[in-house]
Amino acid sequence: MNQLENLTVGELRKFLAQLTNDPEVTDETKIFLDTGWDSIQEISPDALSIEAAQAFKIEDPLTHEFFGGYSLLEKAEKMKGEGPIEKVLVIRNLY
């Protein structure tokens, strides 16, 4: 099964600690999301939240390979979530 690694809060804290030594990064430095398209996407100031999520697996109908992901708890049943429910930091990028 293919599953990407997740950035953890601990790794994020380490990265943020490094920023304190960079004089070019200020409290006004903007944060963007690179979605792989031609432009980067703005992230709203109220985009961060702590949510409940659950892992799921989905099968590719062509290759029959399984891929893992996570779903917010309210959608986990639809995605056939399994395993423990976890608290996760979510960045909402809804337009």
C-alpha atoms as a PDB file:
ATOM      1  CA  MET A   1       0.000   0.000   0.000  1.00  0.00           C
ATOM      2  CA  ASN A   2       1.293   3.475  -0.909  1.00  0.00           C
ATOM      3  CA  GLN A   3       1.055   6.108   1.786  1.00  0.00           C
ATOM      4  CA  LEU A   4       2.786   9.462   2.003  1.00  0.00           C
ATOM      5  CA  GLU A   5       4.570  10.609   5.123  1.00  0.00           C
ATOM      6  CA  ASN A   6       2.856  13.275   7.212  1.00  0.00           C
ATOM      7  CA  LEU A   7       4.449  16.430   8.541  1.00  0.00           C
ATOM      8  CA  THR A   8       4.169  16.327  12.340  1.00  0.00           C
ATOM      9  CA  VAL A   9       3.695  19.169  14.798  1.00  0.00           C
ATOM     10  CA  GLY A  10       7.160  18.370  16.193  1.00  0.00           C
ATOM     11  CA  GLU A  11       8.736  18.822  12.750  1.00  0.00           C
ATOM     12  CA  LEU A  12       6.744  22.020  12.262  1.00  0.00           C
ATOM     13  CA  ARG A  13       8.007  23.357  15.616  1.00  0.00           C
ATOM     14  CA  LYS A  14      11.614  22.639  14.591  1.00  0.00           C
ATOM     15  CA  PHE A  15      11.098  24.467  11.301  1.00  0.00           C
ATOM     16  CA  LEU A  16       9.471  27.442  13.016  1.00  0.00           C
ATOM     17  CA  ALA A  17      12.374  27.602  15.500  1.00  0.00           C
ATOM     18  CA  GLN A  18      14.771  27.927  12.555  1.00  0.00           C
ATOM     19  CA  LEU A  19      12.780  30.900  11.254  1.00  0.00           C
ATOM     20  CA  THR A  20      13.558  32.940  14.366  1.00  0.00           C
ATOM     21  CA  ASN A  21      17.168  33.224  13.156  1.00  0.00           C
ATOM     22  CA  ASP A  22      16.227  34.483   9.683  1.00  0.00           C
ATOM     23  CA  PRO A  23      15.956  38.289   9.615  1.00  0.00           C
ATOM     24  CA  GLU A  24      14.065  38.164   6.290  1.00  0.00           C
ATOM     25  CA  VAL A  25      11.170  36.258   7.903  1.00  0.00           C
ATOM     26  CA  THR A  26       8.961  38.589   9.940  1.00  0.00           C
ATOM     27  CA  ASP A  27       5.546  38.367  11.566  1.00  0.00           C
ATOM     28  CA  GLU A  28       4.143  39.758   8.301  1.00  0.00           C
ATOM     29  CA  THR A  29       5.682  37.036   6.081  1.00  0.00           C
ATOM     30  CA  LYS A  30       2.837  35.406   4.130  1.00  0.00           C
ATOM     31  CA  ILE A  31       2.277  31.634   3.977  1.00  0.00           C
ATOM     32  CA  PHE A  32       1.173  29.941   0.744  1.00  0.00           C
ATOM     33  CA  LEU A  33       0.301  26.409  -0.365  1.00  0.00           C
ATOM     34  CA  ASP A  34       1.988  25.008  -3.476  1.00  0.00           C
ATOM     35  CA  THR A  35      -0.537  22.712  -5.146  1.00  0.00           C
ATOM     36  CA  GLY A  36       1.715  21.914  -8.111  1.00  0.00           C
ATOM     37  CA  TRP A  37      -0.118  24.221 -10.490  1.00  0.00           C
ATOM     38  CA  ASP A  38       1.322  27.433 -11.934  1.00  0.00           C
ATOM     39  CA  SER A  39       0.474  29.601  -8.935  1.00  0.00           C
ATOM     40  CA  ILE A  40       0.705  29.230  -5.183  1.00  0.00           C
ATOM     41  CA  GLN A  41      -2.474  29.469  -3.118  1.00  0.00           C
ATOM     42  CA  GLU A  42      -3.219  31.894  -0.313  1.00  0.00           C
ATOM     43  CA  ILE A  43      -4.045  30.465   3.100  1.00  0.00           C
ATOM     44  CA  SER A  44      -6.651  32.302   5.149  1.00  0.00           C
ATOM     45  CA  PRO A  45      -5.622  33.464   8.662  1.00  0.00           C
ATOM     46  CA  ASP A  46      -8.446  31.365  10.146  1.00  0.00           C
ATOM     47  CA  ALA A  47      -7.446  28.242   8.167  1.00  0.00           C
ATOM     48  CA  LEU A  48      -5.807  26.323  11.045  1.00  0.00           C
ATOM     49  CA  SER A  49      -7.763  23.981  13.288  1.00  0.00           C
ATOM     50  CA  ILE A  50      -7.379  20.794  15.318  1.00  0.00           C
ATOM     51  CA  GLU A  51      -9.769  18.110  14.063  1.00  0.00           C
ATOM     52  CA  ALA A  52     -10.470  14.406  14.513  1.00  0.00           C
ATOM     53  CA  ALA A  53      -9.450  12.184  11.585  1.00  0.00           C
ATOM     54  CA  GLN A  54      -9.303   8.511  10.728  1.00  0.00           C
ATOM     55  CA  ALA A  55      -7.218   6.567   8.216  1.00  0.00           C
ATOM     56  CA  PHE A  56      -8.769   4.822   5.224  1.00  0.00           C
ATOM     57  CA  LYS A  57      -7.627   2.717   2.264  1.00  0.00           C
ATOM     58  CA  ILE A  58      -8.907   2.984  -1.275  1.00  0.00           C
ATOM     59  CA  GLU A  59      -8.290   0.642  -4.190  1.00  0.00           C
ATOM     60  CA  ASP A  60      -7.326   1.919  -7.627  1.00  0.00           C
ATOM     61  CA  PRO A  61      -9.903   0.263  -9.919  1.00  0.00           C
ATOM     62  CA  LEU A  62      -7.382  -0.092 -12.772  1.00  0.00           C
ATOM     63  CA  THR A  63      -4.266  -1.360 -10.975  1.00  0.00           C
ATOM     64  CA  HIS A  64      -5.964  -2.802  -7.860  1.00  0.00           C
ATOM     65  CA  GLU A  65      -3.228  -1.095  -5.833  1.00  0.00           C
ATOM     66  CA  PHE A  66      -4.273   0.270  -2.434  1.00  0.00           C
ATOM     67  CA  PHE A  67      -3.584   3.837  -1.365  1.00  0.00           C
ATOM     68  CA  GLY A  68      -3.941   5.197   2.147  1.00  0.00           C
ATOM     69  CA  GLY A  69      -5.236   8.544   3.250  1.00  0.00           C
ATOM     70  CA  TYR A  70      -7.047  10.306   6.062  1.00  0.00           C
ATOM     71  CA  SER A  71     -10.542  11.693   6.283  1.00  0.00           C
ATOM     72  CA  LEU A  72     -12.112  14.084   8.758  1.00  0.00           C
ATOM     73  CA  LEU A  73     -14.214  12.140  11.233  1.00  0.00           C
ATOM     74  CA  GLU A  74     -17.532  13.350   9.822  1.00  0.00           C
ATOM     75  CA  LYS A  75     -16.583  11.808   6.439  1.00  0.00           C
ATOM     76  CA  ALA A  76     -14.716   8.742   7.758  1.00  0.00           C
ATOM     77  CA  GLU A  77     -17.713   6.391   7.595  1.00  0.00           C
ATOM     78  CA  LYS A  78     -18.270   7.233   3.925  1.00  0.00           C
ATOM     79  CA  MET A  79     -14.563   6.600   3.256  1.00  0.00           C
ATOM     80  CA  LYS A  80     -14.652   3.340   5.262  1.00  0.00           C
ATOM     81  CA  GLY A  81     -12.262   4.677   7.868  1.00  0.00           C
ATOM     82  CA  GLU A  82     -10.488   2.186  10.065  1.00  0.00           C
ATOM     83  CA  GLY A  83      -8.123   2.260  13.003  1.00  0.00           C
ATOM     84  CA  PRO A  84      -7.810   4.786  15.788  1.00  0.00           C
ATOM     85  CA  ILE A  85      -9.269   8.271  15.620  1.00  0.00           C
ATOM     86  CA  GLU A  86      -6.450  10.808  15.750  1.00  0.00           C
ATOM     87  CA  LYS A  87      -6.239  14.516  16.507  1.00  0.00           C
ATOM     88  CA  VAL A  88      -4.656  16.297  13.534  1.00  0.00           C
ATOM     89  CA  LEU A  89      -3.797  19.866  12.586  1.00  0.00           C
ATOM     90  CA  VAL A  90      -5.787  20.835   9.481  1.00  0.00           C
ATOM     91  CA  ILE A  91      -5.081  23.694   7.076  1.00  0.00           C
ATOM     92  CA  ARG A  92      -8.331  24.470   5.313  1.00  0.00           C
ATOM     93  CA  ASN A  93      -7.855  25.899   1.848  1.00  0.00           C
ATOM     94  CA  LEU A  94     -11.473  26.258   0.765  1.00  0.00           C
ATOM     95  CA  TYR A  95     -12.369  28.738  -1.950  1.00  0.00           C
END
